[in-house]
Amino acid sequence: MTTPEAPTPDPATAYAEAPSIIAEIGWVARQRGSQPDREFWLRKAAVFDRIALKEAASYAPEVAAPAIEAAADAALQLVRYDATHEGLSPRGFELVTADDHREHVRRAYLAWSRS
């Protein structure tokens, strides 16, 4: 897990080693029916974040809004998982807004991909 002091990497750095979005969607879909663990929530949140970033860069805000909302929801699921299972304190990490949650996903994904 990341620490509060860890700076938030830019998305290009966080996802530099990530498989393609299509491959990650396939991986997430194949996990259906199994007990979701941290890797599941992390990879799901990361792929949703990556999709939202692409949508926001390509389309008008109102068109990208559903993808951004889905990314925020997936990021919150990871924050909740980490709070329950990993000892994360959202207050201690100042994880208040949807943007904070998505930044947590990027820090966590970078740490996970380097481990």
Protein backbone atom coordinates (compact mmCIF):
# COMPACT_ATOMS: atom_id res chain seq x y z
CA MET A 1 0.00 0.00 0.00
CA THR A 2 1.13 3.57 -0.57
CA THR A 3 1.95 6.09 2.10
CA PRO A 4 0.44 9.54 2.57
CA GLU A 5 3.82 11.07 1.73
CA ALA A 6 3.98 9.39 -1.68
CA PRO A 7 3.55 12.00 -4.39
CA THR A 8 0.84 11.40 -6.93
CA PRO A 9 2.40 10.32 -10.21
CA ASP A 10 1.08 11.72 -13.45
CA PRO A 11 -1.12 9.19 -15.27
CA ALA A 12 1.53 8.47 -17.92
CA THR A 13 3.98 7.44 -15.20
CA ALA A 14 1.42 5.54 -13.13
CA TYR A 15 0.22 3.49 -16.08
CA ALA A 16 3.47 3.22 -18.08
CA GLU A 17 3.70 -0.54 -17.53
CA ALA A 18 -0.04 -1.21 -17.72
CA PRO A 19 -1.41 -3.70 -20.23
CA SER A 20 -3.73 -2.35 -22.90
CA ILE A 21 -7.16 -1.17 -21.81
CA ILE A 22 -8.74 -4.03 -23.76
CA ALA A 23 -6.54 -6.59 -22.00
CA GLU A 24 -7.38 -5.11 -18.59
CA ILE A 25 -11.12 -5.08 -19.31
CA GLY A 26 -10.80 -8.75 -20.22
CA TRP A 27 -8.89 -9.51 -17.02
CA VAL A 28 -11.51 -7.72 -14.88
CA ALA A 29 -14.35 -9.53 -16.68
CA ARG A 30 -12.70 -12.92 -16.15
CA GLN A 31 -12.64 -12.33 -12.39
CA ARG A 32 -16.44 -12.31 -12.20
CA GLY A 33 -17.70 -14.91 -9.80
CA SER A 34 -14.52 -14.97 -7.73
CA GLN A 35 -14.02 -13.21 -4.40
CA PRO A 36 -12.69 -9.74 -5.30
CA ASP A 37 -9.33 -8.99 -3.71
CA ARG A 38 -7.22 -5.85 -3.70
CA GLU A 39 -5.67 -6.65 -7.08
CA PHE A 40 -9.15 -6.84 -8.60
CA TRP A 41 -10.30 -3.50 -7.15
CA LEU A 42 -6.99 -1.85 -8.05
CA ARG A 43 -6.91 -3.07 -11.64
CA LYS A 44 -10.60 -2.27 -12.13
CA ALA A 45 -10.15 1.25 -10.75
CA ALA A 46 -7.02 1.78 -12.84
CA VAL A 47 -8.63 0.72 -16.10
CA PHE A 48 -11.67 2.89 -15.41
CA ASP A 49 -9.33 5.81 -14.62
CA ARG A 50 -7.45 5.24 -17.88
CA ILE A 51 -10.71 5.17 -19.85
CA ALA A 52 -11.89 8.37 -18.16
CA LEU A 53 -8.60 10.10 -18.92
CA LYS A 54 -8.90 9.18 -22.61
CA GLU A 55 -12.53 10.27 -22.73
CA ALA A 56 -11.74 13.61 -21.04
CA ALA A 57 -8.90 14.24 -23.49
CA SER A 58 -11.02 13.37 -26.53
CA TYR A 59 -14.53 14.61 -25.88
CA ALA A 60 -16.52 17.51 -24.49
CA PRO A 61 -17.00 17.44 -20.71
CA GLU A 62 -20.64 16.39 -20.94
CA VAL A 63 -19.70 13.44 -23.16
CA ALA A 64 -16.81 12.36 -20.90
CA ALA A 65 -18.82 12.80 -17.68
CA PRO A 66 -20.17 9.21 -17.48
CA ALA A 67 -16.66 7.74 -17.82
CA ILE A 68 -15.32 10.16 -15.21
CA GLU A 69 -18.14 9.26 -12.84
CA ALA A 70 -17.52 5.54 -13.35
CA ALA A 71 -13.81 6.06 -12.64
CA ALA A 72 -14.65 7.96 -9.46
CA ASP A 73 -16.98 5.16 -8.34
CA ALA A 74 -14.35 2.49 -9.02
CA ALA A 75 -11.70 4.51 -7.20
CA LEU A 76 -13.99 4.84 -4.19
CA GLN A 77 -14.41 1.05 -4.16
CA LEU A 78 -10.62 0.68 -3.91
CA VAL A 79 -10.42 3.30 -1.14
CA ARG A 80 -13.14 1.46 0.78
CA TYR A 81 -11.38 -1.88 0.28
CA ASP A 82 -8.09 -0.43 1.48
CA ALA A 83 -9.80 1.16 4.48
CA THR A 84 -11.36 -2.17 5.44
CA HIS A 85 -8.53 -4.57 4.63
CA GLU A 86 -5.28 -2.61 4.44
CA GLY A 87 -5.60 -0.18 7.35
CA LEU A 88 -5.96 2.86 5.09
CA SER A 89 -7.41 5.86 6.84
CA PRO A 90 -9.08 8.04 4.19
CA ARG A 91 -8.96 10.92 6.64
CA GLY A 92 -5.23 10.46 7.25
CA PHE A 93 -4.60 10.33 3.53
CA GLU A 94 -6.97 13.26 2.97
CA LEU A 95 -8.97 11.16 0.52
CA VAL A 96 -12.03 13.34 0.41
CA THR A 97 -12.94 14.08 -3.19
CA ALA A 98 -13.33 11.91 -6.27
CA ASP A 99 -10.06 13.39 -7.57
CA ASP A 100 -8.33 12.34 -4.32
CA HIS A 101 -9.64 8.80 -4.82
CA ARG A 102 -8.41 8.66 -8.41
CA GLU A 103 -4.99 9.94 -7.31
CA HIS A 104 -4.91 7.15 -4.72
CA VAL A 105 -5.53 4.67 -7.55
CA ARG A 106 -2.58 6.07 -9.50
CA ARG A 107 -0.22 5.93 -6.51
CA ALA A 108 -1.38 2.42 -5.63
CA TYR A 109 -1.16 1.17 -9.22
CA LEU A 110 2.37 2.49 -9.65
CA ALA A 111 3.48 0.87 -6.38
CA TRP A 112 1.75 -2.40 -7.31
CA SER A 113 3.22 -2.48 -10.83
CA ARG A 114 6.73 -1.98 -9.44
CA SER A 115 6.42 -4.70 -6.81
